[in-house]
Amino acid sequence: MAKSGGVAKLLGLVAWLTGIIVSLAVGFAMVGGTLTVPEWIGGATAAMVAGWIVVVATILGAILAIIKAIK
């Protein structure tokens, strides 16, 4: 049973890292203009703002998660 707990933790870490990588990729793609939203929603400006929000929130969330895991 001890092994399954370790496997679960490893899979959780892999899923968490995947989420961080995908979030940063999407956020930077929005900031860089690769991903945009329709003009009626705000176009490139709205995408850039949303992209920066995603990037900052992802980095902040990752840092807080690491701090929580250390304590």
Protein backbone atom coordinates (compact mmCIF):
# COMPACT_ATOMS: atom_id res chain seq x y z
CA MET A 1 0.00 0.00 0.00
CA ALA A 2 2.87 2.38 0.64
CA LYS A 3 3.87 2.28 -3.01
CA SER A 4 0.44 3.38 -4.21
CA GLY A 5 0.67 6.48 -2.00
CA GLY A 6 4.02 7.33 -3.57
CA VAL A 7 2.66 6.75 -7.06
CA ALA A 8 -0.32 8.96 -6.30
CA LYS A 9 1.97 11.73 -5.09
CA LEU A 10 4.15 11.40 -8.18
CA LEU A 11 1.15 11.53 -10.49
CA GLY A 12 -0.15 14.55 -8.61
CA LEU A 13 3.20 16.29 -9.07
CA VAL A 14 3.24 15.47 -12.78
CA ALA A 15 -0.31 16.80 -13.19
CA TRP A 16 0.58 19.95 -11.25
CA LEU A 17 3.70 20.59 -13.35
CA THR A 18 1.72 19.98 -16.54
CA GLY A 19 -0.86 22.53 -15.43
CA ILE A 20 1.84 25.10 -14.69
CA ILE A 21 3.51 24.57 -18.08
CA VAL A 22 0.23 24.76 -20.01
CA SER A 23 -0.91 27.85 -18.12
CA LEU A 24 2.36 29.66 -18.79
CA ALA A 25 2.31 28.62 -22.46
CA VAL A 26 -1.21 29.96 -22.92
CA GLY A 27 -0.50 33.13 -20.96
CA PHE A 28 2.66 33.96 -22.90
CA ALA A 29 0.93 33.12 -26.19
CA MET A 30 -1.79 35.63 -25.33
CA VAL A 31 0.77 38.26 -24.33
CA GLY A 32 2.77 37.68 -27.51
CA GLY A 33 -0.26 37.86 -29.79
CA THR A 34 -0.26 34.24 -30.95
CA LEU A 35 -3.60 33.66 -29.21
CA THR A 36 -6.19 36.41 -29.42
CA VAL A 37 -9.84 36.97 -28.65
CA PRO A 38 -12.47 38.43 -31.01
CA GLU A 39 -12.53 42.19 -31.43
CA TRP A 40 -15.99 42.48 -29.87
CA ILE A 41 -14.52 41.11 -26.62
CA GLY A 42 -11.55 43.45 -26.70
CA GLY A 43 -9.19 42.00 -29.27
CA ALA A 44 -5.45 42.02 -28.81
CA THR A 45 -5.51 44.37 -25.83
CA ALA A 46 -7.90 42.17 -23.85
CA ALA A 47 -5.87 39.09 -24.75
CA MET A 48 -2.65 40.75 -23.60
CA VAL A 49 -4.16 41.83 -20.29
CA ALA A 50 -5.70 38.40 -19.72
CA GLY A 51 -2.39 36.78 -20.66
CA TRP A 52 -0.49 38.78 -18.07
CA ILE A 53 -3.11 37.93 -15.46
CA VAL A 54 -2.68 34.23 -16.26
CA VAL A 55 1.12 34.44 -16.14
CA VAL A 56 1.26 36.35 -12.85
CA ALA A 57 -1.43 34.20 -11.19
CA THR A 58 0.29 31.00 -12.31
CA ILE A 59 3.69 32.05 -11.01
CA LEU A 60 2.21 33.31 -7.74
CA GLY A 61 0.18 30.12 -7.31
CA ALA A 62 3.22 27.94 -7.97
CA ILE A 63 5.34 29.85 -5.47
CA LEU A 64 2.61 29.64 -2.81
CA ALA A 65 2.15 25.90 -3.45
CA ILE A 66 5.86 25.29 -3.05
CA ILE A 67 5.96 27.31 0.17
CA LYS A 68 2.98 25.34 1.50
CA ALA A 69 4.63 22.03 0.58
CA ILE A 70 7.84 23.00 2.38
CA LYS A 71 6.09 23.87 5.65
